[in-house]
């Protein structure tokens, strides 16, 4: 059986962070997801769902320092149901996502952080101070030395029927 939730949405408010007596940190956020559809008259409609997300320990500390109202995030976690009593003594039931992972996905990239986008970029590959690989080819590049006498940069003397190591 699988209990896995994946959501991408926008935060409705800054995380609400508490530190418990035992030292554990817990953060709660409200995440809005949108579904767009055409109604019977052909007009586009947007349906917004709000999700309660709970984050624990180091994930909660990350949320406290990184998440702000309106931020777009990707969240993975599990669906949980919990019952509790409100101030009037009424039994209440809440459905929450207990997050196991989150990542910032939307908005403009901060050129200093190298993060924020969903897909990695060349900036993520090589941080300041890391050596970048040399260019693979230039117009003045010399062919590599070949003991077979091939001087044309063609494998096996340019034969079209030669076998290679490629799996396809």
C-alpha atoms as a PDB file:
ATOM      1  CA  UNK A   1       0.000   0.000   0.000  1.00  0.00           C
ATOM      2  CA  UNK A   2       1.125   3.521  -0.719  1.00  0.00           C
ATOM      3  CA  UNK A   3       0.337   6.758   1.101  1.00  0.00           C
ATOM      4  CA  UNK A   4       2.123   9.444  -0.894  1.00  0.00           C
ATOM      5  CA  UNK A   5       1.090  12.993  -1.706  1.00  0.00           C
ATOM      6  CA  UNK A   6       2.807  15.318  -4.174  1.00  0.00           C
ATOM      7  CA  UNK A   7       1.677  18.933  -4.387  1.00  0.00           C
ATOM      8  CA  UNK A   8       2.899  22.046  -6.162  1.00  0.00           C
ATOM      9  CA  UNK A   9       1.310  25.268  -5.002  1.00  0.00           C
ATOM     10  CA  UNK A  10       1.663  28.680  -3.395  1.00  0.00           C
ATOM     11  CA  UNK A  11       1.960  29.453   0.300  1.00  0.00           C
ATOM     12  CA  UNK A  12      -0.954  31.388   1.754  1.00  0.00           C
ATOM     13  CA  UNK A  13       1.096  32.775   4.668  1.00  0.00           C
ATOM     14  CA  UNK A  14       4.509  32.568   6.286  1.00  0.00           C
ATOM     15  CA  UNK A  15       5.096  29.280   8.140  1.00  0.00           C
ATOM     16  CA  UNK A  16       3.744  29.078  11.676  1.00  0.00           C
ATOM     17  CA  UNK A  17       6.660  27.592  13.649  1.00  0.00           C
ATOM     18  CA  UNK A  18       6.569  26.228  17.214  1.00  0.00           C
ATOM     19  CA  UNK A  19       9.232  24.708  19.388  1.00  0.00           C
ATOM     20  CA  UNK A  20       7.939  21.948  21.640  1.00  0.00           C
ATOM     21  CA  UNK A  21       9.091  21.236  25.207  1.00  0.00           C
ATOM     22  CA  UNK A  22      11.124  18.246  24.037  1.00  0.00           C
ATOM     23  CA  UNK A  23      13.053  20.485  21.597  1.00  0.00           C
ATOM     24  CA  UNK A  24      11.294  19.330  18.427  1.00  0.00           C
ATOM     25  CA  UNK A  25      10.416  22.017  15.888  1.00  0.00           C
ATOM     26  CA  UNK A  26       7.126  21.879  13.978  1.00  0.00           C
ATOM     27  CA  UNK A  27       5.982  24.173  11.161  1.00  0.00           C
ATOM     28  CA  UNK A  28       2.530  24.482   9.647  1.00  0.00           C
ATOM     29  CA  UNK A  29       1.838  26.069   6.279  1.00  0.00           C
ATOM     30  CA  UNK A  30      -1.230  26.481   4.111  1.00  0.00           C
ATOM     31  CA  UNK A  31      -0.661  25.590   0.471  1.00  0.00           C
ATOM     32  CA  UNK A  32      -3.010  26.626  -2.351  1.00  0.00           C
ATOM     33  CA  UNK A  33      -3.280  24.525  -5.504  1.00  0.00           C
ATOM     34  CA  UNK A  34      -5.277  25.589  -8.554  1.00  0.00           C
ATOM     35  CA  UNK A  35      -7.254  23.558 -11.055  1.00  0.00           C
ATOM     36  CA  UNK A  36      -8.363  25.262 -14.266  1.00  0.00           C
ATOM     37  CA  UNK A  37     -11.247  23.996 -16.358  1.00  0.00           C
ATOM     38  CA  UNK A  38     -13.859  25.170 -18.853  1.00  0.00           C
ATOM     39  CA  UNK A  39     -17.432  25.314 -17.631  1.00  0.00           C
ATOM     40  CA  UNK A  40     -20.475  24.459 -19.779  1.00  0.00           C
ATOM     41  CA  UNK A  41     -20.564  27.951 -21.268  1.00  0.00           C
ATOM     42  CA  UNK A  42     -16.919  27.656 -22.378  1.00  0.00           C
ATOM     43  CA  UNK A  43     -15.561  30.079 -19.785  1.00  0.00           C
ATOM     44  CA  UNK A  44     -12.367  29.208 -17.933  1.00  0.00           C
ATOM     45  CA  UNK A  45     -12.827  28.680 -14.209  1.00  0.00           C
ATOM     46  CA  UNK A  46     -10.216  28.298 -11.473  1.00  0.00           C
ATOM     47  CA  UNK A  47     -10.847  26.083  -8.470  1.00  0.00           C
ATOM     48  CA  UNK A  48      -8.480  26.664  -5.553  1.00  0.00           C
ATOM     49  CA  UNK A  49      -7.912  23.935  -2.948  1.00  0.00           C
ATOM     50  CA  UNK A  50      -6.184  24.689   0.360  1.00  0.00           C
ATOM     51  CA  UNK A  51      -3.977  22.048   1.969  1.00  0.00           C
ATOM     52  CA  UNK A  52      -2.620  21.990   5.525  1.00  0.00           C
ATOM     53  CA  UNK A  53       1.054  20.973   5.486  1.00  0.00           C
ATOM     54  CA  UNK A  54       2.972  19.952   8.625  1.00  0.00           C
ATOM     55  CA  UNK A  55       6.769  19.820   8.701  1.00  0.00           C
ATOM     56  CA  UNK A  56       8.924  18.461  11.527  1.00  0.00           C
ATOM     57  CA  UNK A  57      12.463  19.010  12.830  1.00  0.00           C
ATOM     58  CA  UNK A  58      15.070  20.105  10.264  1.00  0.00           C
ATOM     59  CA  UNK A  59      12.430  20.402   7.550  1.00  0.00           C
ATOM     60  CA  UNK A  60      10.531  22.824   9.810  1.00  0.00           C
ATOM     61  CA  UNK A  61      13.701  24.829  10.436  1.00  0.00           C
ATOM     62  CA  UNK A  62      14.312  25.051   6.671  1.00  0.00           C
ATOM     63  CA  UNK A  63      10.721  26.169   6.159  1.00  0.00           C
ATOM     64  CA  UNK A  64      11.134  28.885   8.798  1.00  0.00           C
ATOM     65  CA  UNK A  65      14.222  30.305   7.115  1.00  0.00           C
ATOM     66  CA  UNK A  66      13.306  29.833   3.433  1.00  0.00           C
ATOM     67  CA  UNK A  67       9.525  30.023   2.975  1.00  0.00           C
ATOM     68  CA  UNK A  68       7.551  33.238   2.675  1.00  0.00           C
ATOM     69  CA  UNK A  69       3.969  34.102   1.728  1.00  0.00           C
ATOM     70  CA  UNK A  70       3.315  33.510  -1.974  1.00  0.00           C
ATOM     71  CA  UNK A  71       6.327  31.235  -2.535  1.00  0.00           C
ATOM     72  CA  UNK A  72       5.728  28.384  -4.962  1.00  0.00           C
ATOM     73  CA  UNK A  73       6.911  25.039  -3.595  1.00  0.00           C
ATOM     74  CA  UNK A  74       6.944  21.348  -4.442  1.00  0.00           C
ATOM     75  CA  UNK A  75       6.003  19.164  -1.443  1.00  0.00           C
ATOM     76  CA  UNK A  76       6.136  15.395  -0.944  1.00  0.00           C
ATOM     77  CA  UNK A  77       4.620  13.710   2.081  1.00  0.00           C
ATOM     78  CA  UNK A  78       1.895  11.455   3.430  1.00  0.00           C
ATOM     79  CA  UNK A  79      -1.787  12.076   4.091  1.00  0.00           C
ATOM     80  CA  UNK A  80      -2.857  11.930   7.741  1.00  0.00           C
ATOM     81  CA  UNK A  81      -6.149  12.391   9.596  1.00  0.00           C
ATOM     82  CA  UNK A  82      -6.333  13.651  13.144  1.00  0.00           C
ATOM     83  CA  UNK A  83      -9.195  14.278  15.571  1.00  0.00           C
ATOM     84  CA  UNK A  84      -9.140  16.953  18.254  1.00  0.00           C
ATOM     85  CA  UNK A  85     -11.466  19.072  20.377  1.00  0.00           C
ATOM     86  CA  UNK A  86     -11.985  22.765  19.823  1.00  0.00           C
ATOM     87  CA  UNK A  87     -12.421  25.367  22.602  1.00  0.00           C
ATOM     88  CA  UNK A  88     -16.147  24.585  22.853  1.00  0.00           C
ATOM     89  CA  UNK A  89     -15.497  20.858  23.341  1.00  0.00           C
ATOM     90  CA  UNK A  90     -16.676  19.879  19.862  1.00  0.00           C
ATOM     91  CA  UNK A  91     -14.874  16.992  18.162  1.00  0.00           C
ATOM     92  CA  UNK A  92     -13.122  18.122  14.995  1.00  0.00           C
ATOM     93  CA  UNK A  93     -11.321  16.178  12.282  1.00  0.00           C
ATOM     94  CA  UNK A  94      -8.411  17.530  10.250  1.00  0.00           C
ATOM     95  CA  UNK A  95      -6.712  16.141   7.168  1.00  0.00           C
ATOM     96  CA  UNK A  96      -3.062  17.142   6.830  1.00  0.00           C
ATOM     97  CA  UNK A  97      -0.047  16.335   4.693  1.00  0.00           C
ATOM     98  CA  UNK A  98       2.983  15.473   6.809  1.00  0.00           C
ATOM     99  CA  UNK A  99       5.826  16.615   4.570  1.00  0.00           C
ATOM    100  CA  UNK A 100       8.955  14.558   4.074  1.00  0.00           C
ATOM    101  CA  UNK A 101      10.509  16.903   1.468  1.00  0.00           C
ATOM    102  CA  UNK A 102       9.970  20.329  -0.055  1.00  0.00           C
ATOM    103  CA  UNK A 103      11.689  22.411  -2.692  1.00  0.00           C
ATOM    104  CA  UNK A 104      11.235  25.956  -3.931  1.00  0.00           C
ATOM    105  CA  UNK A 105      10.113  25.882  -7.570  1.00  0.00           C
ATOM    106  CA  UNK A 106       8.636  29.168  -8.755  1.00  0.00           C
ATOM    107  CA  UNK A 107       9.534  32.758  -9.177  1.00  0.00           C
ATOM    108  CA  UNK A 108      12.684  34.473 -10.309  1.00  0.00           C
ATOM    109  CA  UNK A 109      16.027  32.838  -9.666  1.00  0.00           C
ATOM    110  CA  UNK A 110      18.181  34.622  -7.135  1.00  0.00           C
ATOM    111  CA  UNK A 111      21.534  35.010  -8.848  1.00  0.00           C
ATOM    112  CA  UNK A 112      23.337  34.707  -5.513  1.00  0.00           C
ATOM    113  CA  UNK A 113      21.704  31.484  -4.359  1.00  0.00           C
ATOM    114  CA  UNK A 114      21.799  29.458  -7.559  1.00  0.00           C
ATOM    115  CA  UNK A 115      18.500  27.902  -6.483  1.00  0.00           C
ATOM    116  CA  UNK A 116      14.806  28.450  -6.743  1.00  0.00           C
ATOM    117  CA  UNK A 117      14.131  26.926 -10.140  1.00  0.00           C
ATOM    118  CA  UNK A 118      12.692  23.473 -10.571  1.00  0.00           C
ATOM    119  CA  UNK A 119      15.243  22.358 -13.170  1.00  0.00           C
ATOM    120  CA  UNK A 120      18.996  22.616 -12.628  1.00  0.00           C
ATOM    121  CA  UNK A 121      20.974  25.059 -14.713  1.00  0.00           C
ATOM    122  CA  UNK A 122      24.625  25.524 -15.588  1.00  0.00           C
ATOM    123  CA  UNK A 123      24.850  27.809 -12.526  1.00  0.00           C
ATOM    124  CA  UNK A 124      23.883  24.870 -10.299  1.00  0.00           C
ATOM    125  CA  UNK A 125      26.520  22.659 -11.929  1.00  0.00           C
ATOM    126  CA  UNK A 126      29.495  24.936 -11.293  1.00  0.00           C
ATOM    127  CA  UNK A 127      29.532  27.172  -8.250  1.00  0.00           C
ATOM    128  CA  UNK A 128      32.027  30.028  -7.889  1.00  0.00           C
ATOM    129  CA  UNK A 129      35.544  28.711  -7.492  1.00  0.00           C
ATOM    130  CA  UNK A 130      34.888  25.354  -9.160  1.00  0.00           C
ATOM    131  CA  UNK A 131      36.847  24.588 -12.289  1.00  0.00           C
ATOM    132  CA  UNK A 132      34.738  24.521 -15.421  1.00  0.00           C
ATOM    133  CA  UNK A 133      35.582  21.875 -18.001  1.00  0.00           C
ATOM    134  CA  UNK A 134      37.588  22.988 -21.036  1.00  0.00           C
ATOM    135  CA  UNK A 135      35.756  23.512 -24.309  1.00  0.00           C
ATOM    136  CA  UNK A 136      35.241  20.261 -26.132  1.00  0.00           C
ATOM    137  CA  UNK A 137      36.155  21.504 -29.594  1.00  0.00           C
ATOM    138  CA  UNK A 138      37.422  24.606 -31.316  1.00  0.00           C
ATOM    139  CA  UNK A 139      38.036  25.467 -34.942  1.00  0.00           C
ATOM    140  CA  UNK A 140      41.795  25.194 -34.453  1.00  0.00           C
ATOM    141  CA  UNK A 141      41.754  21.922 -32.498  1.00  0.00           C
ATOM    142  CA  UNK A 142      44.184  19.274 -33.677  1.00  0.00           C
ATOM    143  CA  UNK A 143      43.008  15.686 -34.179  1.00  0.00           C
ATOM    144  CA  UNK A 144      44.086  13.288 -31.468  1.00  0.00           C
ATOM    145  CA  UNK A 145      47.037  11.061 -32.202  1.00  0.00           C
ATOM    146  CA  UNK A 146      45.896   7.771 -33.726  1.00  0.00           C
ATOM    147  CA  UNK A 147      48.093   4.695 -34.011  1.00  0.00           C
ATOM    148  CA  UNK A 148      46.003   3.308 -36.892  1.00  0.00           C
ATOM    149  CA  UNK A 149      47.147   6.068 -39.217  1.00  0.00           C
ATOM    150  CA  UNK A 150      43.725   7.729 -39.325  1.00  0.00           C
ATOM    151  CA  UNK A 151      44.111  11.523 -39.654  1.00  0.00           C
ATOM    152  CA  UNK A 152      40.469  12.450 -40.379  1.00  0.00           C
ATOM    153  CA  UNK A 153      38.867  12.167 -36.891  1.00  0.00           C
ATOM    154  CA  UNK A 154      36.778   9.272 -38.194  1.00  0.00           C
ATOM    155  CA  UNK A 155      36.629   6.056 -36.192  1.00  0.00           C
ATOM    156  CA  UNK A 156      38.357   3.071 -37.767  1.00  0.00           C
ATOM    157  CA  UNK A 157      39.596   4.926 -40.829  1.00  0.00           C
ATOM    158  CA  UNK A 158      36.164   6.307 -41.769  1.00  0.00           C
ATOM    159  CA  UNK A 159      34.531   2.964 -42.459  1.00  0.00           C
ATOM    160  CA  UNK A 160      30.716   3.221 -42.290  1.00  0.00           C
ATOM    161  CA  UNK A 161      30.347  -0.466 -41.411  1.00  0.00           C
ATOM    162  CA  UNK A 162      32.603  -0.404 -38.356  1.00  0.00           C
ATOM    163  CA  UNK A 163      31.271  -1.723 -35.048  1.00  0.00           C
ATOM    164  CA  UNK A 164      31.238   0.666 -32.116  1.00  0.00           C
ATOM    165  CA  UNK A 165      30.566   0.469 -28.403  1.00  0.00           C
ATOM    166  CA  UNK A 166      27.211   2.246 -28.527  1.00  0.00           C
ATOM    167  CA  UNK A 167      24.295   0.216 -27.149  1.00  0.00           C
ATOM    168  CA  UNK A 168      21.919   1.412 -29.891  1.00  0.00           C
END
